[in-house]
Protein backbone atom coordinates (compact mmCIF):
# COMPACT_ATOMS: atom_id res chain seq x y z
CA MET A 1 179.75 110.87 -64.80
CA PRO A 2 176.48 112.30 -66.79
CA SER A 3 176.49 113.93 -70.01
CA ALA A 4 175.73 117.87 -70.05
CA LEU A 5 172.93 117.29 -71.50
CA THR A 6 171.72 114.77 -68.88
CA VAL A 7 172.36 117.78 -66.15
CA THR A 8 170.58 119.79 -68.22
CA PHE A 9 167.73 117.92 -68.52
CA VAL A 10 167.43 117.48 -64.84
CA GLN A 11 168.03 120.55 -63.63
CA SER A 12 165.50 122.36 -66.37
CA THR A 13 162.81 119.51 -65.25
CA VAL A 14 163.17 120.94 -61.92
CA LEU A 15 163.22 124.74 -62.02
CA ASN A 16 160.43 123.86 -65.07
CA ALA A 17 158.39 121.95 -62.13
CA ILE A 18 159.18 124.91 -59.49
CA SER A 19 157.79 127.68 -62.22
CA ASN A 20 154.48 125.91 -62.93
CA ILE A 21 153.69 124.85 -59.22
CA LEU A 22 154.09 128.74 -58.20
CA ALA A 23 152.27 129.60 -61.25
CA GLN A 24 148.81 127.12 -59.83
CA LEU A 25 149.62 128.75 -56.35
CA ILE A 26 149.09 132.31 -57.88
CA ASP A 27 146.16 130.90 -60.06
CA GLN A 28 144.42 129.84 -57.25
CA ARG A 29 145.25 132.63 -54.60
CA ASN A 30 141.69 134.02 -54.53
CA ASN A 31 139.94 130.69 -54.03
CA THR A 32 138.31 129.85 -50.44
CA THR A 33 139.25 126.30 -50.76
CA PRO A 34 142.96 124.93 -49.99
CA PHE A 35 145.12 124.71 -52.65
CA THR A 36 144.82 121.96 -55.03
CA LEU A 37 147.71 120.65 -57.00
CA ASN A 38 146.95 120.43 -60.98
CA ALA A 39 148.89 117.42 -61.40
CA LEU A 40 147.97 116.85 -65.32
CA ALA A 41 149.04 120.67 -65.87
CA LEU A 42 152.04 120.04 -64.23
CA LEU A 43 152.74 116.77 -66.21
CA GLN A 44 151.89 118.77 -69.20
CA PHE A 45 154.41 121.38 -68.52
CA ILE A 46 157.33 119.47 -67.45
CA THR A 47 156.97 117.42 -70.73
CA TYR A 48 156.87 120.58 -72.96
CA GLY A 49 160.06 121.53 -71.13
CA PHE A 50 161.23 118.10 -71.55
CA LEU A 51 161.14 118.17 -75.44
CA ILE A 52 162.23 121.86 -75.58
CA VAL A 53 165.70 121.59 -73.75
CA PRO A 54 167.54 119.27 -76.30
CA ILE A 55 166.36 121.50 -78.99
CA ASN A 56 167.86 124.57 -76.88
CA PHE A 57 170.67 122.82 -75.81
CA TYR A 58 172.14 122.17 -79.47
CA TRP A 59 171.14 125.49 -80.31
CA GLN A 60 173.36 127.24 -77.91
CA ARG A 61 176.20 124.87 -78.99
CA ALA A 62 175.76 125.66 -82.68
CA LEU A 63 175.44 129.39 -81.90
CA GLU A 64 178.68 129.03 -79.96
CA ALA A 65 180.32 127.25 -82.81
CA ARG A 66 179.47 129.80 -85.18
CA TYR A 67 180.55 132.62 -83.01
CA PRO A 68 182.52 131.62 -80.58
CA GLY A 69 184.36 133.83 -77.81
CA PHE A 70 183.27 136.61 -75.42
CA PRO A 71 183.63 140.12 -75.46
CA SER A 72 187.07 140.96 -74.05
CA ARG A 73 187.63 143.39 -71.20
CA ALA A 74 189.04 146.12 -73.57
CA GLU A 75 186.46 145.36 -76.35
CA ILE A 76 184.00 146.42 -73.80
CA SER A 77 185.85 149.06 -72.37
CA THR A 78 186.32 150.70 -75.65
CA LEU A 79 182.36 149.92 -75.91
CA PHE A 80 181.62 152.29 -73.27
CA SER A 81 184.12 154.62 -73.47
CA SER A 82 182.54 155.09 -77.05
CA ARG A 83 179.05 155.58 -75.78
CA SER A 84 180.15 157.58 -73.08
CA CYS A 85 181.37 160.42 -75.38
CA SER A 86 178.96 163.22 -76.01
CA LEU A 87 176.78 163.43 -79.28
CA ARG A 88 178.69 166.66 -80.55
CA ALA A 89 182.12 165.09 -80.05
CA LEU A 90 180.81 161.65 -81.85
CA THR A 91 181.96 162.83 -85.46
CA LEU A 92 180.89 161.08 -88.60
CA SER A 93 184.96 159.73 -88.60
CA SER A 94 184.83 158.49 -85.04
CA LEU A 95 181.42 156.56 -85.50
CA ARG A 96 182.38 154.93 -88.72
CA ALA A 97 185.42 153.70 -86.93
CA PHE A 98 183.71 152.56 -83.84
CA LEU A 99 181.41 150.42 -86.18
CA SER A 100 184.29 149.07 -88.06
CA SER A 101 185.61 147.94 -84.54
CA LEU A 102 182.29 145.75 -84.05
CA TRP A 103 181.66 144.78 -88.04
CA PRO A 104 185.24 144.75 -89.50
CA TRP A 105 183.87 143.45 -92.76
CA SER A 106 181.53 146.69 -92.75
CA ALA A 107 185.02 148.99 -93.45
CA THR A 108 185.73 150.34 -96.64
CA GLU A 109 188.93 149.43 -98.46
CA ASP A 110 190.80 152.40 -97.19
CA GLN A 111 189.67 151.57 -93.50
CA LEU A 112 190.66 147.85 -93.61
CA PRO A 113 193.48 146.80 -90.94
CA HIS A 114 197.12 146.39 -92.42
CA HIS A 115 196.71 142.65 -92.02
CA ARG A 116 194.57 142.50 -95.40
CA ASP A 117 198.16 143.44 -97.02
CA LYS A 118 199.96 140.54 -95.12
CA GLU A 119 197.04 137.92 -96.46
CA GLN A 120 197.64 139.14 -99.96
CA GLU A 121 201.20 138.88 -99.59
CA LYS A 122 200.51 135.53 -98.58
CA MET A 123 198.37 134.13 -100.65
CA ALA A 124 200.55 135.58 -103.72
CA GLU A 125 203.69 133.30 -102.29
CA VAL A 126 201.65 130.46 -102.19
CA GLN A 127 200.20 130.93 -105.63
CA ALA A 128 204.11 131.64 -107.19
CA GLN A 129 204.76 128.19 -105.63
CA GLY A 130 202.36 126.57 -107.86
CA GLN A 131 200.16 125.62 -105.08
CA GLY A 132 197.14 127.81 -106.68
CA PRO A 133 194.69 129.75 -104.42
CA SER A 134 195.11 129.05 -101.11
CA ARG A 135 191.47 128.06 -99.14
CA TRP A 136 193.94 127.69 -95.96
CA ALA A 137 194.82 131.38 -96.11
CA PRO A 138 194.46 132.99 -92.79
CA ARG A 139 191.29 135.23 -92.47
CA ALA A 140 190.62 137.98 -90.31
CA ARG A 141 189.50 136.75 -86.97
CA LYS A 142 186.33 138.34 -85.87
CA SER A 143 186.14 140.21 -82.50
CA GLY A 144 184.62 138.59 -79.36
CA LEU A 145 182.29 141.38 -79.45
CA HIS A 146 180.84 140.74 -82.63
CA ALA A 147 180.15 137.28 -81.52
CA PHE A 148 178.16 138.51 -78.74
CA VAL A 149 176.14 140.88 -81.18
CA MET A 150 175.70 138.06 -83.54
CA LYS A 151 174.70 135.84 -80.48
CA PHE A 152 172.48 138.57 -79.11
CA LEU A 153 170.48 139.28 -82.31
CA PHE A 154 170.02 135.66 -83.20
CA ASP A 155 168.66 134.83 -79.50
CA GLN A 156 166.08 137.90 -79.90
CA THR A 157 164.80 136.96 -83.38
CA VAL A 158 164.97 133.44 -84.53
CA ALA A 159 165.32 131.56 -80.90
CA GLY A 160 162.36 133.93 -79.65
CA ILE A 161 160.32 133.00 -82.72
CA VAL A 162 160.82 129.38 -82.73
CA ASN A 163 160.56 128.82 -78.83
CA ILE A 164 157.03 131.05 -78.65
CA VAL A 165 155.92 128.53 -81.40
CA LEU A 166 156.95 125.68 -80.17
CA PHE A 167 155.77 126.66 -76.61
CA VAL A 168 152.01 127.19 -77.97
CA VAL A 169 152.19 123.88 -80.26
CA LEU A 170 153.12 121.54 -77.92
CA ILE A 171 151.30 122.50 -74.80
CA ASN A 172 148.14 122.82 -76.86
CA LEU A 173 149.08 119.15 -78.57
CA LEU A 174 149.55 118.14 -74.97
CA LYS A 175 145.86 119.79 -73.37
CA GLY A 176 144.57 117.64 -76.63
CA GLU A 177 143.65 120.41 -78.87
CA ALA A 178 143.11 120.01 -82.54
CA VAL A 179 145.73 120.64 -85.12
CA LYS A 180 143.80 123.40 -86.58
CA ARG A 181 142.89 124.66 -83.30
CA VAL A 182 146.49 125.10 -82.32
CA TRP A 183 147.47 127.09 -85.37
CA GLU A 184 144.52 129.62 -84.66
CA LEU A 185 146.33 129.61 -80.92
CA VAL A 186 149.65 130.26 -82.56
CA LEU A 187 148.48 133.31 -84.41
CA GLU A 188 146.36 134.55 -81.65
CA VAL A 189 148.89 134.73 -78.73
CA PHE A 190 152.29 134.97 -80.59
CA ARG A 191 152.38 138.73 -80.49
CA PRO A 192 151.70 139.17 -76.70
CA ILE A 193 154.12 136.42 -75.73
CA MET A 194 156.88 137.76 -77.90
CA ILE A 195 156.15 141.45 -76.58
CA ALA A 196 156.47 140.07 -72.81
CA ARG A 197 159.84 137.92 -74.06
CA LEU A 198 161.41 141.02 -75.29
CA LYS A 199 160.86 142.77 -71.83
CA TYR A 200 163.11 140.45 -69.98
CA ARG A 201 165.33 138.23 -72.63
CA PRO A 202 167.78 141.02 -73.44
CA ILE A 203 169.13 141.15 -70.12
CA VAL A 204 169.38 137.40 -69.88
CA SER A 205 171.09 136.84 -72.98
CA THR A 206 173.62 139.78 -72.13
CA LEU A 207 174.81 137.85 -69.20
CA MET A 208 174.47 134.30 -71.34
CA TYR A 209 176.90 135.58 -73.96
CA THR A 210 179.13 137.27 -71.68
CA VAL A 211 179.94 135.25 -68.85
CA ILE A 212 178.03 132.07 -68.90
CA PRO A 213 179.75 128.78 -70.32
CA VAL A 214 177.78 127.32 -73.43
CA ASP A 215 176.79 124.20 -71.74
CA ARG A 216 174.87 126.10 -68.91
CA ARG A 217 173.54 128.28 -70.99
CA VAL A 218 169.98 126.46 -70.92
CA VAL A 219 170.26 125.78 -66.91
CA PHE A 220 170.97 129.41 -66.72
CA GLY A 221 167.93 130.54 -68.79
CA SER A 222 165.64 128.38 -67.14
CA ALA A 223 166.91 129.74 -63.53
CA CYS A 224 166.25 133.31 -64.96
CA GLY A 225 163.14 132.30 -66.26
CA VAL A 226 161.20 130.64 -63.32
CA ILE A 227 159.14 134.16 -63.52
CA TRP A 228 158.79 133.63 -67.37
CA GLY A 229 157.69 129.81 -66.58
CA ILE A 230 155.29 131.06 -64.33
CA TYR A 231 154.01 133.59 -67.07
CA LEU A 232 153.76 130.83 -69.53
CA SER A 233 152.26 128.39 -67.25
CA LEU A 234 149.35 131.03 -66.49
CA TYR A 235 149.05 131.59 -70.20
CA ALA A 236 148.35 128.03 -70.94
CA VAL A 237 145.66 127.90 -68.20
CA VAL A 238 147.02 125.50 -65.43
């Protein structure tokens, strides 16, 4: 049975090819001559996708390992019920309580849940038994909503920056541009591509980190990104 990475390679390659062909159709829509496939541009874009897939595949796995889990229904209900409150009813104390539910470590000492006292008691018992300070003492488990927030933020910032830079660098190196010119292009086009990414990626990230399994996220991103792939293909001057 093929591995998850192999399946991701195949599916993402097919989706990238479809997006590039569609981009070429759009680019040549005003031509009076019949459509001619730019095989070189197609090969360049597929190669770029082939190089970028494992990076994103293992990035998603690492992100899930660091921040595992999905928001529970109770957390989502609490989030929306809290947001539905009017600004007048949203007092400072209720706001602090809501933020504490998202980021437990941001609470002050008097707001920490009672399990902190239980942890301290367990650590004291271990030390009293001569085992020293316990690095295995239970730690507060962060919520699924916290995991979602962190993965969402990393996807919009770190992943966005790296993917855009890699796209500009790889696609232009494949086109034979000199390294100096490639860096100039990175500085030139980074901002407009990042702005375009932020217009669609938050919706994709929300779905990815709430319902999509980790090994399917790259393919899901590629499927949702067919339009994005068309945009990138047009940007690469297919």
